Amino acid sequence: MILMKDIIREGHPTLRAKSKEVQFPLSEEDRKLSEDLLEYVINSQNDEMIEKYDLRPGVGIAAPQVNVPKRIFALHFDENSGENLSLIAINPKIVSHSVEKAYLSAGEGCLSVDRPIPGYVPRYARVTVKAFDIEGKEYKMRLKGLPAIAFQHELDHLNGIMFFDHINPKNPFAEIDNAIAIDRASGE
């Protein structure tokens, strides 16, 4: 089980490295890693588990955040969030995206960042993505709103990009052209 002590923090070189493609069939190690990442985000949204294991809530976590530079991440939204999505993405890609942008009005957070970093993070409002599941089966889906933002946040981790790299350094709350604000707090 992944705990907060297993999550590396900003400044660690793995968070700035480009992750490697994963080979199929998955090794037992990669399968377990994938399942552990998903288990973390599910547990981190459960009040009893948060209390028991001192977890920080999140909707996503990427392999580089546990110091494994591989192209794997997990996302989980339960029905309480208004979304119902739970996935493991291996070798994920964005195949198309909207011109329209979106951002979280409260800003983004990250399990690997222990400080609040104010500012808008421009993302695509809608994305069509492709990835593989743990059985090696490719899937394609369209995401919008919070799931689209979370997918892009985790994909950035696989490319050594942190969310705050996207914030306008001179004016963190500058209006973003052709963008919609999403009024939801995000743990990741």
C-alpha atoms as a PDB file:
ATOM      1  CA  MET A   1       0.000   0.000   0.000  1.00  0.00           C
ATOM      2  CA  ILE A   2       1.305   3.449  -0.958  1.00  0.00           C
ATOM      3  CA  LEU A   3       1.536   5.905   1.942  1.00  0.00           C
ATOM      4  CA  MET A   4       2.509   9.589   2.023  1.00  0.00           C
ATOM      5  CA  LYS A   5       6.082   8.617   2.987  1.00  0.00           C
ATOM      6  CA  ASP A   6       6.356   6.806  -0.384  1.00  0.00           C
ATOM      7  CA  ILE A   7       5.483   9.931  -2.401  1.00  0.00           C
ATOM      8  CA  ILE A   8       8.493  11.995  -3.434  1.00  0.00           C
ATOM      9  CA  ARG A   9       8.299  15.777  -3.164  1.00  0.00           C
ATOM     10  CA  GLU A  10       9.142  18.692  -5.456  1.00  0.00           C
ATOM     11  CA  GLY A  11      12.881  19.084  -5.928  1.00  0.00           C
ATOM     12  CA  HIS A  12      13.376  15.324  -6.422  1.00  0.00           C
ATOM     13  CA  PRO A  13      15.005  14.714  -9.849  1.00  0.00           C
ATOM     14  CA  THR A  14      12.556  11.933 -10.860  1.00  0.00           C
ATOM     15  CA  LEU A  15       9.739  14.522 -10.932  1.00  0.00           C
ATOM     16  CA  ARG A  16      11.600  16.398 -13.688  1.00  0.00           C
ATOM     17  CA  ALA A  17      12.564  13.358 -15.793  1.00  0.00           C
ATOM     18  CA  LYS A  18      10.682  12.096 -18.839  1.00  0.00           C
ATOM     19  CA  SER A  19       9.242   8.671 -17.993  1.00  0.00           C
ATOM     20  CA  LYS A  20       9.837   5.544 -20.069  1.00  0.00           C
ATOM     21  CA  GLU A  21       7.191   3.685 -22.107  1.00  0.00           C
ATOM     22  CA  VAL A  22       5.936   0.502 -20.469  1.00  0.00           C
ATOM     23  CA  GLN A  23       6.301  -2.846 -22.268  1.00  0.00           C
ATOM     24  CA  PHE A  24       3.511  -5.409 -22.574  1.00  0.00           C
ATOM     25  CA  PRO A  25       2.695  -7.903 -21.303  1.00  0.00           C
ATOM     26  CA  LEU A  26       3.137  -6.090 -18.007  1.00  0.00           C
ATOM     27  CA  SER A  27       5.721  -7.393 -15.602  1.00  0.00           C
ATOM     28  CA  GLU A  28       4.350  -8.430 -12.210  1.00  0.00           C
ATOM     29  CA  GLU A  29       6.104  -5.355 -10.789  1.00  0.00           C
ATOM     30  CA  ASP A  30       4.368  -2.958 -13.242  1.00  0.00           C
ATOM     31  CA  ARG A  31       0.983  -4.615 -12.668  1.00  0.00           C
ATOM     32  CA  LYS A  32       1.359  -4.240  -8.888  1.00  0.00           C
ATOM     33  CA  LEU A  33       2.507  -0.618  -9.261  1.00  0.00           C
ATOM     34  CA  SER A  34      -0.552   0.166 -11.426  1.00  0.00           C
ATOM     35  CA  GLU A  35      -2.918  -1.416  -8.923  1.00  0.00           C
ATOM     36  CA  ASP A  36      -1.186   0.308  -5.981  1.00  0.00           C
ATOM     37  CA  LEU A  37      -1.535   3.731  -7.645  1.00  0.00           C
ATOM     38  CA  LEU A  38      -5.271   3.217  -8.142  1.00  0.00           C
ATOM     39  CA  GLU A  39      -5.628   1.882  -4.605  1.00  0.00           C
ATOM     40  CA  TYR A  40      -3.967   5.055  -3.251  1.00  0.00           C
ATOM     41  CA  VAL A  41      -6.413   7.464  -4.935  1.00  0.00           C
ATOM     42  CA  ILE A  42      -9.403   5.341  -3.902  1.00  0.00           C
ATOM     43  CA  ASN A  43      -8.151   5.163  -0.283  1.00  0.00           C
ATOM     44  CA  SER A  44      -7.314   8.877  -0.258  1.00  0.00           C
ATOM     45  CA  GLN A  45     -10.990   9.695  -0.872  1.00  0.00           C
ATOM     46  CA  ASN A  46     -12.190   7.527   2.031  1.00  0.00           C
ATOM     47  CA  ASP A  47     -12.405   9.419   5.346  1.00  0.00           C
ATOM     48  CA  GLU A  48     -11.612   6.336   7.445  1.00  0.00           C
ATOM     49  CA  MET A  49      -8.517   5.493   5.366  1.00  0.00           C
ATOM     50  CA  ILE A  50      -7.355   9.148   5.406  1.00  0.00           C
ATOM     51  CA  GLU A  51      -7.591   9.162   9.204  1.00  0.00           C
ATOM     52  CA  LYS A  52      -6.070   5.712   9.726  1.00  0.00           C
ATOM     53  CA  TYR A  53      -3.073   6.135   7.374  1.00  0.00           C
ATOM     54  CA  ASP A  54      -2.693   9.949   7.370  1.00  0.00           C
ATOM     55  CA  LEU A  55      -3.291  10.184   3.595  1.00  0.00           C
ATOM     56  CA  ARG A  56      -3.655  13.370   1.603  1.00  0.00           C
ATOM     57  CA  PRO A  57      -6.712  13.281  -0.657  1.00  0.00           C
ATOM     58  CA  GLY A  58      -6.106  13.140  -4.389  1.00  0.00           C
ATOM     59  CA  VAL A  59      -7.915  12.231  -7.595  1.00  0.00           C
ATOM     60  CA  GLY A  60      -4.764  11.134  -9.408  1.00  0.00           C
ATOM     61  CA  ILE A  61      -1.243   9.892  -8.881  1.00  0.00           C
ATOM     62  CA  ALA A  62       1.507   9.078 -11.371  1.00  0.00           C
ATOM     63  CA  ALA A  63       4.300   6.487 -11.132  1.00  0.00           C
ATOM     64  CA  PRO A  64       7.059   9.163 -11.058  1.00  0.00           C
ATOM     65  CA  GLN A  65       5.522  10.440  -7.813  1.00  0.00           C
ATOM     66  CA  VAL A  66       6.531   7.173  -6.154  1.00  0.00           C
ATOM     67  CA  ASN A  67       9.989   7.447  -7.764  1.00  0.00           C
ATOM     68  CA  VAL A  68       9.268   5.063 -10.677  1.00  0.00           C
ATOM     69  CA  PRO A  69       9.900   6.866 -14.000  1.00  0.00           C
ATOM     70  CA  LYS A  70       7.370   4.857 -16.032  1.00  0.00           C
ATOM     71  CA  ARG A  71       4.385   6.052 -18.091  1.00  0.00           C
ATOM     72  CA  ILE A  72       1.647   4.922 -15.703  1.00  0.00           C
ATOM     73  CA  PHE A  73      -0.915   6.862 -13.701  1.00  0.00           C
ATOM     74  CA  ALA A  74      -4.259   6.301 -12.001  1.00  0.00           C
ATOM     75  CA  LEU A  75      -7.330   8.530 -11.699  1.00  0.00           C
ATOM     76  CA  HIS A  76     -10.352   8.020  -9.478  1.00  0.00           C
ATOM     77  CA  PHE A  77     -13.516  10.046  -9.100  1.00  0.00           C
ATOM     78  CA  ASP A  78     -16.382   8.560  -7.150  1.00  0.00           C
ATOM     79  CA  GLU A  79     -20.039   9.382  -7.725  1.00  0.00           C
ATOM     80  CA  ASN A  80     -19.920  11.923  -4.847  1.00  0.00           C
ATOM     81  CA  SER A  81     -17.757  14.148  -7.050  1.00  0.00           C
ATOM     82  CA  GLY A  82     -20.424  14.212  -9.759  1.00  0.00           C
ATOM     83  CA  GLU A  83     -18.115  12.087 -11.902  1.00  0.00           C
ATOM     84  CA  ASN A  84     -17.813   8.340 -11.936  1.00  0.00           C
ATOM     85  CA  LEU A  85     -14.474   7.379 -13.367  1.00  0.00           C
ATOM     86  CA  SER A  86     -11.763   5.043 -12.156  1.00  0.00           C
ATOM     87  CA  LEU A  87      -8.879   4.140 -14.418  1.00  0.00           C
ATOM     88  CA  ILE A  88      -5.299   3.070 -14.812  1.00  0.00           C
ATOM     89  CA  ALA A  89      -3.602   4.711 -17.803  1.00  0.00           C
ATOM     90  CA  ILE A  90      -0.480   3.055 -19.208  1.00  0.00           C
ATOM     91  CA  ASN A  91       1.442   4.827 -22.008  1.00  0.00           C
ATOM     92  CA  PRO A  92      -1.324   7.475 -22.174  1.00  0.00           C
ATOM     93  CA  LYS A  93      -1.600  10.066 -24.964  1.00  0.00           C
ATOM     94  CA  ILE A  94      -3.874  12.953 -25.851  1.00  0.00           C
ATOM     95  CA  VAL A  95      -5.002  12.333 -29.434  1.00  0.00           C
ATOM     96  CA  SER A  96      -7.081  15.510 -29.806  1.00  0.00           C
ATOM     97  CA  HIS A  97      -8.169  18.466 -27.708  1.00  0.00           C
ATOM     98  CA  SER A  98     -10.509  21.443 -27.720  1.00  0.00           C
ATOM     99  CA  VAL A  99      -9.414  24.951 -28.613  1.00  0.00           C
ATOM    100  CA  GLU A 100     -11.287  26.085 -25.524  1.00  0.00           C
ATOM    101  CA  LYS A 101      -9.314  26.046 -22.288  1.00  0.00           C
ATOM    102  CA  ALA A 102     -10.369  25.378 -18.707  1.00  0.00           C
ATOM    103  CA  TYR A 103      -8.838  25.941 -15.304  1.00  0.00           C
ATOM    104  CA  LEU A 104      -9.713  25.264 -11.685  1.00  0.00           C
ATOM    105  CA  SER A 105     -10.773  28.550 -10.091  1.00  0.00           C
ATOM    106  CA  ALA A 106      -9.241  27.378  -6.795  1.00  0.00           C
ATOM    107  CA  GLY A 107      -5.993  26.386  -8.542  1.00  0.00           C
ATOM    108  CA  GLU A 108      -4.410  22.925  -8.650  1.00  0.00           C
ATOM    109  CA  GLY A 109      -2.650  20.976  -5.961  1.00  0.00           C
ATOM    110  CA  CYS A 110      -0.332  18.002  -6.073  1.00  0.00           C
ATOM    111  CA  LEU A 111       0.571  15.183  -3.691  1.00  0.00           C
ATOM    112  CA  SER A 112       4.253  15.932  -4.421  1.00  0.00           C
ATOM    113  CA  VAL A 113       3.924  19.628  -3.510  1.00  0.00           C
ATOM    114  CA  ASP A 114       3.586  20.457   0.184  1.00  0.00           C
ATOM    115  CA  ARG A 115       2.848  24.157  -0.243  1.00  0.00           C
ATOM    116  CA  PRO A 116      -0.071  26.019  -1.752  1.00  0.00           C
ATOM    117  CA  ILE A 117       0.865  27.571  -5.102  1.00  0.00           C
ATOM    118  CA  PRO A 118      -1.741  30.137  -6.106  1.00  0.00           C
ATOM    119  CA  GLY A 119      -2.615  30.754  -9.725  1.00  0.00           C
ATOM    120  CA  TYR A 120      -4.594  29.526 -12.684  1.00  0.00           C
ATOM    121  CA  VAL A 121      -3.297  26.505 -14.588  1.00  0.00           C
ATOM    122  CA  PRO A 122      -4.580  26.621 -18.180  1.00  0.00           C
ATOM    123  CA  ARG A 123      -5.584  23.212 -19.541  1.00  0.00           C
ATOM    124  CA  TYR A 124      -7.646  21.997 -22.498  1.00  0.00           C
ATOM    125  CA  ALA A 125     -11.367  21.964 -21.626  1.00  0.00           C
ATOM    126  CA  ARG A 126     -11.926  18.696 -23.511  1.00  0.00           C
ATOM    127  CA  VAL A 127      -9.513  15.956 -24.529  1.00  0.00           C
ATOM    128  CA  THR A 128      -9.740  12.676 -26.385  1.00  0.00           C
ATOM    129  CA  VAL A 129      -7.226  10.277 -24.906  1.00  0.00           C
ATOM    130  CA  LYS A 130      -5.804   6.842 -25.592  1.00  0.00           C
ATOM    131  CA  ALA A 131      -4.083   4.550 -23.113  1.00  0.00           C
ATOM    132  CA  PHE A 132      -3.682   0.890 -22.237  1.00  0.00           C
ATOM    133  CA  ASP A 133      -5.181  -0.925 -19.261  1.00  0.00           C
ATOM    134  CA  ILE A 134      -3.281  -3.485 -17.180  1.00  0.00           C
ATOM    135  CA  GLU A 135      -4.302  -6.288 -19.555  1.00  0.00           C
ATOM    136  CA  GLY A 136      -2.625  -4.441 -22.447  1.00  0.00           C
ATOM    137  CA  LYS A 137      -5.951  -3.522 -24.070  1.00  0.00           C
ATOM    138  CA  GLU A 138      -6.002  -0.072 -25.655  1.00  0.00           C
ATOM    139  CA  TYR A 139      -8.930   2.197 -24.831  1.00  0.00           C
ATOM    140  CA  LYS A 140     -10.000   5.608 -26.062  1.00  0.00           C
ATOM    141  CA  MET A 141     -12.216   8.083 -24.219  1.00  0.00           C
ATOM    142  CA  ARG A 142     -13.354  11.687 -24.232  1.00  0.00           C
ATOM    143  CA  LEU A 143     -12.962  13.677 -21.040  1.00  0.00           C
ATOM    144  CA  LYS A 144     -14.139  17.149 -20.051  1.00  0.00           C
ATOM    145  CA  GLY A 145     -14.098  19.284 -16.951  1.00  0.00           C
ATOM    146  CA  LEU A 146     -12.298  17.997 -13.864  1.00  0.00           C
ATOM    147  CA  PRO A 147     -11.392  14.547 -15.316  1.00  0.00           C
ATOM    148  CA  ALA A 148      -9.836  16.267 -18.385  1.00  0.00           C
ATOM    149  CA  ILE A 149      -7.812  18.579 -16.128  1.00  0.00           C
ATOM    150  CA  ALA A 150      -6.695  15.685 -13.891  1.00  0.00           C
ATOM    151  CA  PHE A 151      -5.668  13.573 -16.913  1.00  0.00           C
ATOM    152  CA  GLN A 152      -3.512  16.452 -18.223  1.00  0.00           C
ATOM    153  CA  HIS A 153      -1.999  17.033 -14.753  1.00  0.00           C
ATOM    154  CA  GLU A 154      -0.965  13.362 -14.470  1.00  0.00           C
ATOM    155  CA  LEU A 155       0.255  13.211 -18.085  1.00  0.00           C
ATOM    156  CA  ASP A 156       2.483  16.207 -17.295  1.00  0.00           C
ATOM    157  CA  HIS A 157       4.090  14.171 -14.477  1.00  0.00           C
ATOM    158  CA  LEU A 158       5.135  11.579 -17.069  1.00  0.00           C
ATOM    159  CA  ASN A 159       6.901  14.338 -19.008  1.00  0.00           C
ATOM    160  CA  GLY A 160       8.679  15.935 -16.036  1.00  0.00           C
ATOM    161  CA  ILE A 161       6.307  18.917 -15.914  1.00  0.00           C
ATOM    162  CA  MET A 162       4.834  20.259 -12.671  1.00  0.00           C
ATOM    163  CA  PHE A 163       1.462  22.049 -12.607  1.00  0.00           C
ATOM    164  CA  PHE A 164       3.006  25.336 -11.477  1.00  0.00           C
ATOM    165  CA  ASP A 165       5.123  25.437 -14.658  1.00  0.00           C
ATOM    166  CA  HIS A 166       1.903  26.507 -16.432  1.00  0.00           C
ATOM    167  CA  ILE A 167       1.081  29.401 -14.064  1.00  0.00           C
ATOM    168  CA  ASN A 168       1.798  32.895 -15.377  1.00  0.00           C
ATOM    169  CA  PRO A 169       4.738  33.960 -13.145  1.00  0.00           C
ATOM    170  CA  LYS A 170       4.065  37.705 -13.543  1.00  0.00           C
ATOM    171  CA  ASN A 171       0.310  37.498 -12.961  1.00  0.00           C
ATOM    172  CA  PRO A 172      -0.798  34.122 -11.537  1.00  0.00           C
ATOM    173  CA  PHE A 173      -4.489  35.077 -11.731  1.00  0.00           C
ATOM    174  CA  ALA A 174      -4.371  36.684 -15.181  1.00  0.00           C
ATOM    175  CA  GLU A 175      -7.499  36.018 -17.199  1.00  0.00           C
ATOM    176  CA  ILE A 176      -7.005  33.119 -19.611  1.00  0.00           C
ATOM    177  CA  ASP A 177      -8.361  33.766 -23.094  1.00  0.00           C
ATOM    178  CA  ASN A 178     -11.127  31.466 -24.323  1.00  0.00           C
ATOM    179  CA  ALA A 179     -11.261  29.597 -20.981  1.00  0.00           C
ATOM    180  CA  ILE A 180     -13.936  28.395 -18.602  1.00  0.00           C
ATOM    181  CA  ALA A 181     -13.419  28.362 -14.846  1.00  0.00           C
ATOM    182  CA  ILE A 182     -14.250  25.114 -13.098  1.00  0.00           C
ATOM    183  CA  ASP A 183     -15.357  25.758  -9.572  1.00  0.00           C
ATOM    184  CA  ARG A 184     -14.091  22.656  -7.816  1.00  0.00           C
ATOM    185  CA  ALA A 185     -11.309  21.995  -5.371  1.00  0.00           C
ATOM    186  CA  SER A 186      -8.833  19.378  -6.543  1.00  0.00           C
ATOM    187  CA  GLY A 187      -6.485  17.285  -4.460  1.00  0.00           C
ATOM    188  CA  GLU A 188      -4.244  16.523  -7.442  1.00  0.00           C
END
